[in-house]
Amino acid sequence: MSFEAVWGQEAAVGFLRRALAADRLAHALLFVGPAGVGRRLTARELAKALFCSQPDPALGACDRCLSCRQFERGNHPGFSELARRTGKQVVEVEVLRQFLAPMRRRLGATERQVFVIDDAEWLNVEGYNTVLKRLEEPPPGNVVILVARGLDGLPATVVSRSQVVRFGLLGPEELERVLVERCGLTAEEARRMVPLLGGTVAPLAEGNESWLADRQWVIEVVSRLTGAEVVGVVEELVARASQGTEGAVERNLRLVELLRPAVWLYRDALVYGRTGEEDLLSGVAPVGVVRSLAERVGGEGLEKCLASLLRAQVQLQKSNPAIFLAGLLVELVRRGDERSISVGSR
């Protein structure tokens, strides 16, 4: 598919194209950015371009030669890819050593090998030392591409020996295109989901239906929440966020994602309360639900609730989630109750 297969990452792809055209690509690359924005796809397209016998300086691989056809079939002898295995806290060092072992082989003048290590932030100290040894003494013809969410936690020695290529979140148009053309959603479904995804398709890795069902549940519960329901909702939120996770950090990040529909719901209620314009709403919740919330909470209360939800995006990553969620939901209920009492007393 060549580099045209990568959407919404013009800066990263442009840099790689220029490096290829000038034959100045580093032997070690570090692709940094959120999951679900095209990092691994770009790594594969770069590898294919490096193997291609007739590469195009502007587009990358030709997609026609024997090497490209082998790559597309998944059996190119020079390409290897490694990621953390399901259920494992780290990329196992013995697996990593075996993965990188072919780098010891002496290559022919025109031969190349490309090694892609996904989840590079999940290596342990021994694993980083194994990678570092290969980066310090790179045999000719070998390229290592590390894929990570960010530079935090990566050893400075690994970062300093790698060429960092940054990937950003996908814009609404690119994200909608991915949802329609690669995830099989209708245009209407895609438009409804774009605000909830936060610029990445990573949340859909476990399936569209279950992901959307969780978000619809959050919207329904938050829009009609009462004080008596707070404890049960907190428990259910934590339970849903914990399914399939492998630690507190991943669970808390999933809680942040689960609350995104609530942020958009309150944003829409605030916009509708101020303008009365349905066309300005995101579409994450039915207009009737948005209208009801706007009337029940009022402008000032909606502003304060929205501010609390936005703070939660940061605080949930470092707080006890159950205690913090309880406080957040009590705040949302209190704002609605204050408005109801104020209106009822007139």
C-alpha atoms as a PDB file:
ATOM      1  CA  MET A   1       0.000   0.000   0.000  1.00  0.00           C
ATOM      2  CA  SER A   2       3.080   2.271   0.329  1.00  0.00           C
ATOM      3  CA  PHE A   3       3.150   5.296   2.635  1.00  0.00           C
ATOM      4  CA  GLU A   4      -0.198   6.430   1.226  1.00  0.00           C
ATOM      5  CA  ALA A   5      -1.722   3.814   3.543  1.00  0.00           C
ATOM      6  CA  VAL A   6      -0.769   5.946   6.547  1.00  0.00           C
ATOM      7  CA  TRP A   7      -3.383   8.637   7.180  1.00  0.00           C
ATOM      8  CA  GLY A   8      -3.070  11.728   9.328  1.00  0.00           C
ATOM      9  CA  GLN A   9       0.675  11.451  10.069  1.00  0.00           C
ATOM     10  CA  GLU A  10       2.099  13.744   7.417  1.00  0.00           C
ATOM     11  CA  ALA A  11       5.014  15.001   9.550  1.00  0.00           C
ATOM     12  CA  ALA A  12       6.246  11.525  10.493  1.00  0.00           C
ATOM     13  CA  VAL A  13       5.822  10.086   7.005  1.00  0.00           C
ATOM     14  CA  GLY A  14       7.375  13.155   5.381  1.00  0.00           C
ATOM     15  CA  PHE A  15      10.453  12.824   7.573  1.00  0.00           C
ATOM     16  CA  LEU A  16      10.848   9.136   6.692  1.00  0.00           C
ATOM     17  CA  ARG A  17      10.386   9.764   2.985  1.00  0.00           C
ATOM     18  CA  ARG A  18      13.110  12.430   3.011  1.00  0.00           C
ATOM     19  CA  ALA A  19      15.463  10.174   4.986  1.00  0.00           C
ATOM     20  CA  LEU A  20      14.919   7.325   2.513  1.00  0.00           C
ATOM     21  CA  ALA A  21      15.387   9.548  -0.521  1.00  0.00           C
ATOM     22  CA  ALA A  22      18.678  10.911   0.880  1.00  0.00           C
ATOM     23  CA  ASP A  23      19.785   7.449   2.085  1.00  0.00           C
ATOM     24  CA  ARG A  24      20.177   8.872   5.587  1.00  0.00           C
ATOM     25  CA  LEU A  25      17.846   6.660   7.578  1.00  0.00           C
ATOM     26  CA  ALA A  26      19.193   5.812  11.027  1.00  0.00           C
ATOM     27  CA  HIS A  27      19.860   2.202  11.991  1.00  0.00           C
ATOM     28  CA  ALA A  28      17.649   2.671  15.086  1.00  0.00           C
ATOM     29  CA  LEU A  29      14.309   4.474  15.081  1.00  0.00           C
ATOM     30  CA  LEU A  30      11.955   5.216  17.950  1.00  0.00           C
ATOM     31  CA  PHE A  31       8.324   5.712  16.902  1.00  0.00           C
ATOM     32  CA  VAL A  32       6.625   7.595  19.728  1.00  0.00           C
ATOM     33  CA  GLY A  33       2.931   8.423  20.055  1.00  0.00           C
ATOM     34  CA  PRO A  34      -0.458   7.159  21.211  1.00  0.00           C
ATOM     35  CA  ALA A  35      -1.544   3.645  20.334  1.00  0.00           C
ATOM     36  CA  GLY A  36      -3.994   3.364  17.453  1.00  0.00           C
ATOM     37  CA  VAL A  37      -2.710   6.253  15.313  1.00  0.00           C
ATOM     38  CA  GLY A  38      -0.602   4.368  12.757  1.00  0.00           C
ATOM     39  CA  ARG A  39       2.788   3.781  14.412  1.00  0.00           C
ATOM     40  CA  ARG A  40       2.985   0.060  13.613  1.00  0.00           C
ATOM     41  CA  LEU A  41       1.482   0.519  10.142  1.00  0.00           C
ATOM     42  CA  THR A  42       4.153   3.123   9.395  1.00  0.00           C
ATOM     43  CA  ALA A  43       6.873   0.785  10.697  1.00  0.00           C
ATOM     44  CA  ARG A  44       5.658  -1.940   8.351  1.00  0.00           C
ATOM     45  CA  GLU A  45       5.448   0.394   5.361  1.00  0.00           C
ATOM     46  CA  LEU A  46       8.952   1.672   6.101  1.00  0.00           C
ATOM     47  CA  ALA A  47      10.260  -1.883   6.281  1.00  0.00           C
ATOM     48  CA  LYS A  48       8.549  -2.750   3.002  1.00  0.00           C
ATOM     49  CA  ALA A  49      10.117   0.294   1.352  1.00  0.00           C
ATOM     50  CA  LEU A  50      13.566  -0.733   2.609  1.00  0.00           C
ATOM     51  CA  PHE A  51      13.146  -4.204   1.086  1.00  0.00           C
ATOM     52  CA  CYS A  52      11.536  -2.985  -2.156  1.00  0.00           C
ATOM     53  CA  SER A  53      13.607  -3.464  -5.328  1.00  0.00           C
ATOM     54  CA  GLN A  54      11.958  -0.497  -7.086  1.00  0.00           C
ATOM     55  CA  PRO A  55      11.056   2.044  -4.372  1.00  0.00           C
ATOM     56  CA  ASP A  56       9.439   5.361  -5.254  1.00  0.00           C
ATOM     57  CA  PRO A  57      11.145   8.313  -3.496  1.00  0.00           C
ATOM     58  CA  ALA A  58       7.756   9.956  -2.912  1.00  0.00           C
ATOM     59  CA  LEU A  59       5.517   6.966  -2.122  1.00  0.00           C
ATOM     60  CA  GLY A  60       7.851   4.345  -0.684  1.00  0.00           C
ATOM     61  CA  ALA A  61       7.382   0.697  -1.711  1.00  0.00           C
ATOM     62  CA  CYS A  62       6.241  -0.104  -5.242  1.00  0.00           C
ATOM     63  CA  ASP A  63       3.814  -2.847  -4.054  1.00  0.00           C
ATOM     64  CA  ARG A  64       4.581  -4.842  -7.208  1.00  0.00           C
ATOM     65  CA  CYS A  65       8.037  -6.426  -6.951  1.00  0.00           C
ATOM     66  CA  LEU A  66       8.711  -9.888  -5.497  1.00  0.00           C
ATOM     67  CA  SER A  67       9.907  -8.409  -2.204  1.00  0.00           C
ATOM     68  CA  CYS A  68       6.720  -6.345  -1.784  1.00  0.00           C
ATOM     69  CA  ARG A  69       4.540  -9.335  -2.587  1.00  0.00           C
ATOM     70  CA  GLN A  70       6.405 -11.446  -0.025  1.00  0.00           C
ATOM     71  CA  PHE A  71       5.973  -8.728   2.554  1.00  0.00           C
ATOM     72  CA  GLU A  72       2.232  -8.428   1.921  1.00  0.00           C
ATOM     73  CA  ARG A  73       1.873 -12.209   2.297  1.00  0.00           C
ATOM     74  CA  GLY A  74       3.647 -12.001   5.645  1.00  0.00           C
ATOM     75  CA  ASN A  75       6.585 -14.218   4.729  1.00  0.00           C
ATOM     76  CA  HIS A  76       9.443 -11.837   3.958  1.00  0.00           C
ATOM     77  CA  PRO A  77      12.586 -13.453   5.431  1.00  0.00           C
ATOM     78  CA  GLY A  78      14.141 -10.159   6.509  1.00  0.00           C
ATOM     79  CA  PHE A  79      11.216  -8.797   8.554  1.00  0.00           C
ATOM     80  CA  SER A  80      10.532  -9.630  12.195  1.00  0.00           C
ATOM     81  CA  GLU A  81       8.027  -8.139  14.629  1.00  0.00           C
ATOM     82  CA  LEU A  82       7.755  -8.589  18.408  1.00  0.00           C
ATOM     83  CA  ALA A  83       5.240  -7.386  20.995  1.00  0.00           C
ATOM     84  CA  ARG A  84       4.466  -8.114  24.635  1.00  0.00           C
ATOM     85  CA  ARG A  85       2.554 -11.358  24.934  1.00  0.00           C
ATOM     86  CA  THR A  86      -0.948 -11.289  26.404  1.00  0.00           C
ATOM     87  CA  GLY A  87      -0.850 -11.817  30.161  1.00  0.00           C
ATOM     88  CA  LYS A  88       2.807 -10.814  30.494  1.00  0.00           C
ATOM     89  CA  GLN A  89       3.889  -7.714  32.414  1.00  0.00           C
ATOM     90  CA  VAL A  90       7.017  -7.222  30.286  1.00  0.00           C
ATOM     91  CA  VAL A  91       8.507  -8.293  26.984  1.00  0.00           C
ATOM     92  CA  GLU A  92      10.401 -11.375  28.152  1.00  0.00           C
ATOM     93  CA  VAL A  93      14.143 -10.994  27.834  1.00  0.00           C
ATOM     94  CA  GLU A  94      14.774 -14.529  26.539  1.00  0.00           C
ATOM     95  CA  VAL A  95      12.156 -14.031  23.827  1.00  0.00           C
ATOM     96  CA  LEU A  96      13.783 -10.682  22.994  1.00  0.00           C
ATOM     97  CA  ARG A  97      17.236 -12.253  22.708  1.00  0.00           C
ATOM     98  CA  GLN A  98      15.982 -14.934  20.354  1.00  0.00           C
ATOM     99  CA  PHE A  99      14.156 -12.277  18.340  1.00  0.00           C
ATOM    100  CA  LEU A 100      17.343 -10.215  17.870  1.00  0.00           C
ATOM    101  CA  ALA A 101      19.650 -13.215  17.357  1.00  0.00           C
ATOM    102  CA  PRO A 102      19.540 -12.988  13.504  1.00  0.00           C
ATOM    103  CA  MET A 103      21.352  -9.639  13.775  1.00  0.00           C
ATOM    104  CA  ARG A 104      24.554 -11.637  14.346  1.00  0.00           C
ATOM    105  CA  ARG A 105      24.322 -13.029  10.818  1.00  0.00           C
ATOM    106  CA  ARG A 106      26.613 -11.470   8.237  1.00  0.00           C
ATOM    107  CA  LEU A 107      24.440  -9.977   5.480  1.00  0.00           C
ATOM    108  CA  GLY A 108      25.150  -9.732   1.789  1.00  0.00           C
ATOM    109  CA  ALA A 109      25.885  -6.382   0.202  1.00  0.00           C
ATOM    110  CA  THR A 110      22.251  -5.751  -0.732  1.00  0.00           C
ATOM    111  CA  GLU A 111      20.568  -7.621   2.122  1.00  0.00           C
ATOM    112  CA  ARG A 112      18.574  -5.945   4.885  1.00  0.00           C
ATOM    113  CA  GLN A 113      16.894  -7.010   8.104  1.00  0.00           C
ATOM    114  CA  VAL A 114      14.258  -4.978   9.926  1.00  0.00           C
ATOM    115  CA  PHE A 115      13.256  -5.682  13.530  1.00  0.00           C
ATOM    116  CA  VAL A 116      10.143  -3.975  14.938  1.00  0.00           C
ATOM    117  CA  ILE A 117       9.740  -4.064  18.728  1.00  0.00           C
ATOM    118  CA  ASP A 118       6.280  -2.953  19.794  1.00  0.00           C
ATOM    119  CA  ASP A 119       5.453  -2.112  23.430  1.00  0.00           C
ATOM    120  CA  ALA A 120       9.042  -0.903  23.892  1.00  0.00           C
ATOM    121  CA  GLU A 121       8.019   0.771  27.160  1.00  0.00           C
ATOM    122  CA  TRP A 122       7.315  -2.718  28.569  1.00  0.00           C
ATOM    123  CA  LEU A 123      10.925  -3.931  28.557  1.00  0.00           C
ATOM    124  CA  ASN A 124      12.708  -4.505  31.869  1.00  0.00           C
ATOM    125  CA  VAL A 125      16.271  -3.389  32.649  1.00  0.00           C
ATOM    126  CA  GLU A 126      17.769  -6.570  31.228  1.00  0.00           C
ATOM    127  CA  GLY A 127      15.664  -6.185  28.112  1.00  0.00           C
ATOM    128  CA  TYR A 128      16.795  -2.599  27.558  1.00  0.00           C
ATOM    129  CA  ASN A 129      20.423  -3.681  27.998  1.00  0.00           C
ATOM    130  CA  THR A 130      19.887  -6.370  25.355  1.00  0.00           C
ATOM    131  CA  VAL A 131      18.491  -3.809  22.899  1.00  0.00           C
ATOM    132  CA  LEU A 132      21.167  -1.262  23.800  1.00  0.00           C
ATOM    133  CA  LYS A 133      23.933  -3.713  22.960  1.00  0.00           C
ATOM    134  CA  ARG A 134      22.507  -4.075  19.454  1.00  0.00           C
ATOM    135  CA  LEU A 135      22.073  -0.319  19.046  1.00  0.00           C
ATOM    136  CA  GLU A 136      25.638   0.401  20.141  1.00  0.00           C
ATOM    137  CA  GLU A 137      27.192  -2.070  17.676  1.00  0.00           C
ATOM    138  CA  PRO A 138      24.734  -2.212  14.771  1.00  0.00           C
ATOM    139  CA  PRO A 139      25.820  -4.677  12.079  1.00  0.00           C
ATOM    140  CA  PRO A 140      25.450  -3.150   8.599  1.00  0.00           C
ATOM    141  CA  GLY A 141      22.111  -3.690   6.878  1.00  0.00           C
ATOM    142  CA  ASN A 142      20.071  -3.977  10.098  1.00  0.00           C
ATOM    143  CA  VAL A 143      17.373  -1.540  11.197  1.00  0.00           C
ATOM    144  CA  VAL A 144      15.626  -1.648  14.590  1.00  0.00           C
ATOM    145  CA  ILE A 145      12.323   0.186  15.058  1.00  0.00           C
ATOM    146  CA  LEU A 146      11.112   0.627  18.635  1.00  0.00           C
ATOM    147  CA  VAL A 147       7.431   1.530  19.062  1.00  0.00           C
ATOM    148  CA  ALA A 148       6.388   3.220  22.328  1.00  0.00           C
ATOM    149  CA  ARG A 149       3.685   5.505  23.713  1.00  0.00           C
ATOM    150  CA  GLY A 150       6.178   8.079  24.994  1.00  0.00           C
ATOM    151  CA  LEU A 151       9.744   8.753  26.054  1.00  0.00           C
ATOM    152  CA  ASP A 152       8.934   8.699  29.775  1.00  0.00           C
ATOM    153  CA  GLY A 153      10.345   5.562  31.333  1.00  0.00           C
ATOM    154  CA  LEU A 154      12.627   4.745  28.421  1.00  0.00           C
ATOM    155  CA  PRO A 155      16.342   4.766  29.305  1.00  0.00           C
ATOM    156  CA  ALA A 156      18.173   7.873  28.103  1.00  0.00           C
ATOM    157  CA  THR A 157      20.840   5.621  26.602  1.00  0.00           C
ATOM    158  CA  VAL A 158      18.272   3.974  24.313  1.00  0.00           C
ATOM    159  CA  VAL A 159      16.639   7.282  23.355  1.00  0.00           C
ATOM    160  CA  SER A 160      19.991   8.945  22.590  1.00  0.00           C
ATOM    161  CA  ARG A 161      20.962   6.155  20.200  1.00  0.00           C
ATOM    162  CA  SER A 162      17.667   6.253  18.306  1.00  0.00           C
ATOM    163  CA  GLN A 163      16.159   8.657  15.821  1.00  0.00           C
ATOM    164  CA  VAL A 164      12.878   9.783  17.412  1.00  0.00           C
ATOM    165  CA  VAL A 165       9.869  10.036  15.072  1.00  0.00           C
ATOM    166  CA  ARG A 166       6.764  11.491  16.711  1.00  0.00           C
ATOM    167  CA  PHE A 167       3.178  10.537  15.907  1.00  0.00           C
ATOM    168  CA  GLY A 168       0.173  12.656  16.880  1.00  0.00           C
ATOM    169  CA  LEU A 169      -3.507  11.986  17.471  1.00  0.00           C
ATOM    170  CA  LEU A 170      -5.680  11.613  14.372  1.00  0.00           C
ATOM    171  CA  GLY A 171      -7.884  14.537  13.402  1.00  0.00           C
ATOM    172  CA  PRO A 172     -11.672  14.039  13.174  1.00  0.00           C
ATOM    173  CA  GLU A 173     -11.659  13.646   9.367  1.00  0.00           C
ATOM    174  CA  GLU A 174      -8.837  11.086   9.320  1.00  0.00           C
ATOM    175  CA  LEU A 175     -10.365   9.200  12.248  1.00  0.00           C
ATOM    176  CA  GLU A 176     -13.783   9.068  10.576  1.00  0.00           C
ATOM    177  CA  ARG A 177     -12.158   7.802   7.373  1.00  0.00           C
ATOM    178  CA  VAL A 178     -10.371   5.019   9.284  1.00  0.00           C
ATOM    179  CA  LEU A 179     -13.617   3.998  11.011  1.00  0.00           C
ATOM    180  CA  VAL A 180     -15.521   3.794   7.730  1.00  0.00           C
ATOM    181  CA  GLU A 181     -12.904   2.351   5.370  1.00  0.00           C
ATOM    182  CA  ARG A 182     -10.963   0.071   7.731  1.00  0.00           C
ATOM    183  CA  CYS A 183     -13.301  -0.694  10.638  1.00  0.00           C
ATOM    184  CA  GLY A 184     -16.443  -1.160   8.515  1.00  0.00           C
ATOM    185  CA  LEU A 185     -18.641   1.383  10.310  1.00  0.00           C
ATOM    186  CA  THR A 186     -21.295   3.408   8.568  1.00  0.00           C
ATOM    187  CA  ALA A 187     -20.710   7.132   8.178  1.00  0.00           C
ATOM    188  CA  GLU A 188     -23.364   7.846  10.817  1.00  0.00           C
ATOM    189  CA  GLU A 189     -21.816   5.393  13.309  1.00  0.00           C
ATOM    190  CA  ALA A 190     -18.374   6.858  12.687  1.00  0.00           C
ATOM    191  CA  ARG A 191     -19.518  10.446  13.285  1.00  0.00           C
ATOM    192  CA  ARG A 192     -21.112   9.414  16.573  1.00  0.00           C
ATOM    193  CA  MET A 193     -17.995   7.614  17.749  1.00  0.00           C
ATOM    194  CA  VAL A 194     -15.314  10.113  16.701  1.00  0.00           C
ATOM    195  CA  PRO A 195     -15.730  12.409  19.763  1.00  0.00           C
ATOM    196  CA  LEU A 196     -15.491   9.424  22.120  1.00  0.00           C
ATOM    197  CA  LEU A 197     -12.278   8.004  20.680  1.00  0.00           C
ATOM    198  CA  GLY A 198      -9.976  10.881  21.503  1.00  0.00           C
ATOM    199  CA  GLY A 199      -8.035  10.790  18.235  1.00  0.00           C
ATOM    200  CA  THR A 200      -7.138   7.085  18.209  1.00  0.00           C
ATOM    201  CA  VAL A 201      -8.739   3.777  17.203  1.00  0.00           C
ATOM    202  CA  ALA A 202      -6.952   1.876  19.990  1.00  0.00           C
ATOM    203  CA  PRO A 203     -10.108   1.649  22.198  1.00  0.00           C
ATOM    204  CA  LEU A 204     -11.781  -0.424  19.473  1.00  0.00           C
ATOM    205  CA  ALA A 205      -9.199  -3.200  19.695  1.00  0.00           C
ATOM    206  CA  GLU A 206     -11.589  -5.352  21.727  1.00  0.00           C
ATOM    207  CA  GLY A 207     -14.516  -4.896  19.326  1.00  0.00           C
ATOM    208  CA  ASN A 208     -16.858  -2.102  18.332  1.00  0.00           C
ATOM    209  CA  GLU A 209     -19.994  -3.476  19.962  1.00  0.00           C
ATOM    210  CA  SER A 210     -18.673  -4.003  23.489  1.00  0.00           C
ATOM    211  CA  TRP A 211     -16.794  -0.702  23.401  1.00  0.00           C
ATOM    212  CA  LEU A 212     -19.853   1.254  22.282  1.00  0.00           C
ATOM    213  CA  ALA A 213     -22.112  -0.548  24.770  1.00  0.00           C
ATOM    214  CA  ASP A 214     -19.886   0.585  27.646  1.00  0.00           C
ATOM    215  CA  ARG A 215     -20.001   4.197  26.451  1.00  0.00           C
ATOM    216  CA  GLN A 216     -23.771   4.152  26.005  1.00  0.00           C
ATOM    217  CA  TRP A 217     -24.107   2.785  29.538  1.00  0.00           C
ATOM    218  CA  VAL A 218     -21.982   5.645  30.898  1.00  0.00           C
ATOM    219  CA  ILE A 219     -24.133   8.240  29.099  1.00  0.00           C
ATOM    220  CA  GLU A 220     -27.360   6.678  30.337  1.00  0.00           C
ATOM    221  CA  VAL A 221     -26.196   6.397  33.949  1.00  0.00           C
ATOM    222  CA  VAL A 222     -24.569   9.823  34.226  1.00  0.00           C
ATOM    223  CA  SER A 223     -27.507  11.635  32.617  1.00  0.00           C
ATOM    224  CA  ARG A 224     -29.945  10.436  35.312  1.00  0.00           C
ATOM    225  CA  LEU A 225     -27.611   9.777  38.268  1.00  0.00           C
ATOM    226  CA  THR A 226     -28.994  10.054  41.820  1.00  0.00           C
ATOM    227  CA  GLY A 227     -27.184  10.048  45.145  1.00  0.00           C
ATOM    228  CA  ALA A 228     -28.449   6.583  46.003  1.00  0.00           C
ATOM    229  CA  GLU A 229     -26.810   5.131  42.871  1.00  0.00           C
ATOM    230  CA  VAL A 230     -23.301   6.541  43.373  1.00  0.00           C
ATOM    231  CA  VAL A 231     -21.729   3.556  45.153  1.00  0.00           C
ATOM    232  CA  GLY A 232     -23.150   1.034  42.685  1.00  0.00           C
ATOM    233  CA  VAL A 233     -22.079   3.093  39.677  1.00  0.00           C
ATOM    234  CA  VAL A 234     -18.541   3.463  41.057  1.00  0.00           C
ATOM    235  CA  GLU A 235     -18.280  -0.290  41.534  1.00  0.00           C
ATOM    236  CA  GLU A 236     -19.583  -0.943  38.038  1.00  0.00           C
ATOM    237  CA  LEU A 237     -17.208   1.603  36.465  1.00  0.00           C
ATOM    238  CA  VAL A 238     -14.189   0.031  38.172  1.00  0.00           C
ATOM    239  CA  ALA A 239     -15.387  -3.476  37.226  1.00  0.00           C
ATOM    240  CA  ARG A 240     -15.822  -2.557  33.549  1.00  0.00           C
ATOM    241  CA  ALA A 241     -12.453  -0.816  33.440  1.00  0.00           C
ATOM    242  CA  SER A 242     -10.750  -3.803  35.080  1.00  0.00           C
ATOM    243  CA  GLN A 243     -11.929  -6.402  32.553  1.00  0.00           C
ATOM    244  CA  GLY A 244      -8.937  -7.792  30.695  1.00  0.00           C
ATOM    245  CA  THR A 245      -6.477  -5.324  32.242  1.00  0.00           C
ATOM    246  CA  GLU A 246      -3.140  -6.342  33.717  1.00  0.00           C
ATOM    247  CA  GLY A 247      -2.555  -3.715  36.392  1.00  0.00           C
ATOM    248  CA  ALA A 248      -3.724  -0.563  38.140  1.00  0.00           C
ATOM    249  CA  VAL A 249      -2.176   1.790  35.595  1.00  0.00           C
ATOM    250  CA  GLU A 250      -3.980   0.213  32.653  1.00  0.00           C
ATOM    251  CA  ARG A 251      -7.242   0.083  34.632  1.00  0.00           C
ATOM    252  CA  ASN A 252      -7.041   3.774  35.515  1.00  0.00           C
ATOM    253  CA  LEU A 253      -6.311   4.727  31.910  1.00  0.00           C
ATOM    254  CA  ARG A 254      -9.384   2.758  30.871  1.00  0.00           C
ATOM    255  CA  LEU A 255     -11.437   4.607  33.498  1.00  0.00           C
ATOM    256  CA  VAL A 256     -10.342   7.871  31.908  1.00  0.00           C
ATOM    257  CA  GLU A 257     -11.541   6.563  28.537  1.00  0.00           C
ATOM    258  CA  LEU A 258     -14.844   5.396  30.040  1.00  0.00           C
ATOM    259  CA  LEU A 259     -15.541   8.893  31.360  1.00  0.00           C
ATOM    260  CA  ARG A 260     -14.994  10.575  27.992  1.00  0.00           C
ATOM    261  CA  PRO A 261     -18.701  10.177  27.001  1.00  0.00           C
ATOM    262  CA  ALA A 262     -19.672  11.986  30.215  1.00  0.00           C
ATOM    263  CA  VAL A 263     -17.369  14.871  29.281  1.00  0.00           C
ATOM    264  CA  TRP A 264     -19.034  15.196  25.876  1.00  0.00           C
ATOM    265  CA  LEU A 265     -22.509  14.819  27.368  1.00  0.00           C
ATOM    266  CA  TYR A 266     -21.947  17.753  29.728  1.00  0.00           C
ATOM    267  CA  ARG A 267     -20.235  19.735  26.989  1.00  0.00           C
ATOM    268  CA  ASP A 268     -23.256  19.214  24.731  1.00  0.00           C
ATOM    269  CA  ALA A 269     -25.684  20.135  27.527  1.00  0.00           C
ATOM    270  CA  LEU A 270     -23.754  23.353  28.151  1.00  0.00           C
ATOM    271  CA  VAL A 271     -23.712  24.227  24.436  1.00  0.00           C
ATOM    272  CA  TYR A 272     -27.401  23.444  24.041  1.00  0.00           C
ATOM    273  CA  GLY A 273     -28.322  25.429  27.147  1.00  0.00           C
ATOM    274  CA  ARG A 274     -26.446  28.448  25.816  1.00  0.00           C
ATOM    275  CA  THR A 275     -27.495  28.278  22.151  1.00  0.00           C
ATOM    276  CA  GLY A 276     -30.442  25.923  21.748  1.00  0.00           C
ATOM    277  CA  GLU A 277     -28.742  24.743  18.513  1.00  0.00           C
ATOM    278  CA  GLU A 278     -28.906  20.987  17.925  1.00  0.00           C
ATOM    279  CA  ASP A 279     -26.477  21.200  15.004  1.00  0.00           C
ATOM    280  CA  LEU A 280     -23.675  22.137  17.410  1.00  0.00           C
ATOM    281  CA  LEU A 281     -23.992  18.935  19.435  1.00  0.00           C
ATOM    282  CA  SER A 282     -21.474  16.098  19.103  1.00  0.00           C
ATOM    283  CA  GLY A 283     -24.113  13.402  18.685  1.00  0.00           C
ATOM    284  CA  VAL A 284     -22.814  11.145  21.475  1.00  0.00           C
ATOM    285  CA  ALA A 285     -26.215  11.267  23.212  1.00  0.00           C
ATOM    286  CA  PRO A 286     -29.799  11.746  21.988  1.00  0.00           C
ATOM    287  CA  VAL A 287     -30.945  15.359  21.867  1.00  0.00           C
ATOM    288  CA  GLY A 288     -33.666  14.625  24.423  1.00  0.00           C
ATOM    289  CA  VAL A 289     -31.105  13.410  26.948  1.00  0.00           C
ATOM    290  CA  VAL A 290     -28.925  16.484  26.364  1.00  0.00           C
ATOM    291  CA  ARG A 291     -31.913  18.840  26.677  1.00  0.00           C
ATOM    292  CA  SER A 292     -33.086  17.208  29.902  1.00  0.00           C
ATOM    293  CA  LEU A 293     -29.627  17.460  31.483  1.00  0.00           C
ATOM    294  CA  ALA A 294     -29.295  21.108  30.434  1.00  0.00           C
ATOM    295  CA  GLU A 295     -32.643  21.971  32.033  1.00  0.00           C
ATOM    296  CA  ARG A 296     -31.964  19.997  35.213  1.00  0.00           C
ATOM    297  CA  VAL A 297     -28.453  21.268  35.972  1.00  0.00           C
ATOM    298  CA  GLY A 298     -28.350  24.757  34.434  1.00  0.00           C
ATOM    299  CA  GLY A 299     -25.470  26.735  32.939  1.00  0.00           C
ATOM    300  CA  GLU A 300     -23.367  27.408  36.042  1.00  0.00           C
ATOM    301  CA  GLY A 301     -23.761  23.847  37.315  1.00  0.00           C
ATOM    302  CA  LEU A 302     -22.863  22.407  33.905  1.00  0.00           C
ATOM    303  CA  GLU A 303     -19.698  24.503  33.802  1.00  0.00           C
ATOM    304  CA  LYS A 304     -18.603  23.246  37.206  1.00  0.00           C
ATOM    305  CA  CYS A 305     -19.477  19.623  36.381  1.00  0.00           C
ATOM    306  CA  LEU A 306     -17.565  19.823  33.117  1.00  0.00           C
ATOM    307  CA  ALA A 307     -14.548  21.282  34.923  1.00  0.00           C
ATOM    308  CA  SER A 308     -14.684  18.405  37.444  1.00  0.00           C
ATOM    309  CA  LEU A 309     -14.878  15.814  34.665  1.00  0.00           C
ATOM    310  CA  LEU A 310     -11.928  17.359  32.864  1.00  0.00           C
ATOM    311  CA  ARG A 311      -9.862  17.360  36.058  1.00  0.00           C
ATOM    312  CA  ALA A 312     -10.737  13.689  36.435  1.00  0.00           C
ATOM    313  CA  GLN A 313      -8.917  12.961  33.170  1.00  0.00           C
ATOM    314  CA  VAL A 314      -5.697  13.795  35.017  1.00  0.00           C
ATOM    315  CA  GLN A 315      -6.466  12.884  38.625  1.00  0.00           C
ATOM    316  CA  LEU A 316      -7.749   9.381  37.920  1.00  0.00           C
ATOM    317  CA  GLN A 317      -4.306   8.390  36.680  1.00  0.00           C
ATOM    318  CA  LYS A 318      -2.742   8.985  40.098  1.00  0.00           C
ATOM    319  CA  SER A 319      -5.538   8.639  42.649  1.00  0.00           C
ATOM    320  CA  ASN A 320      -7.414   5.786  44.280  1.00  0.00           C
ATOM    321  CA  PRO A 321     -10.069   5.388  41.553  1.00  0.00           C
ATOM    322  CA  ALA A 322     -12.964   4.305  43.778  1.00  0.00           C
ATOM    323  CA  ILE A 323     -12.570   7.214  46.217  1.00  0.00           C
ATOM    324  CA  PHE A 324     -12.024   9.766  43.467  1.00  0.00           C
ATOM    325  CA  LEU A 325     -14.916   8.504  41.341  1.00  0.00           C
ATOM    326  CA  ALA A 326     -17.262   8.615  44.320  1.00  0.00           C
ATOM    327  CA  GLY A 327     -16.341  12.239  44.949  1.00  0.00           C
ATOM    328  CA  LEU A 328     -16.755  13.103  41.275  1.00  0.00           C
ATOM    329  CA  LEU A 329     -20.189  11.481  40.952  1.00  0.00           C
ATOM    330  CA  VAL A 330     -21.419  13.057  44.200  1.00  0.00           C
ATOM    331  CA  GLU A 331     -20.397  16.417  42.729  1.00  0.00           C
ATOM    332  CA  LEU A 332     -22.403  15.759  39.547  1.00  0.00           C
ATOM    333  CA  VAL A 333     -25.468  14.763  41.585  1.00  0.00           C
ATOM    334  CA  ARG A 334     -25.135  17.768  43.892  1.00  0.00           C
ATOM    335  CA  ARG A 335     -25.090  20.248  41.015  1.00  0.00           C
ATOM    336  CA  GLY A 336     -28.291  18.778  39.604  1.00  0.00           C
ATOM    337  CA  ASP A 337     -29.983  18.750  42.999  1.00  0.00           C
ATOM    338  CA  GLU A 338     -29.025  22.381  43.655  1.00  0.00           C
ATOM    339  CA  ARG A 339     -30.613  23.431  40.385  1.00  0.00           C
ATOM    340  CA  SER A 340     -33.787  21.419  41.067  1.00  0.00           C
ATOM    341  CA  ILE A 341     -34.179  22.929  44.536  1.00  0.00           C
ATOM    342  CA  SER A 342     -33.539  26.444  43.222  1.00  0.00           C
ATOM    343  CA  VAL A 343     -36.065  26.121  40.410  1.00  0.00           C
ATOM    344  CA  GLY A 344     -38.632  24.415  42.633  1.00  0.00           C
ATOM    345  CA  SER A 345     -38.489  27.145  45.291  1.00  0.00           C
ATOM    346  CA  ARG A 346     -39.402  29.974  42.938  1.00  0.00           C
END
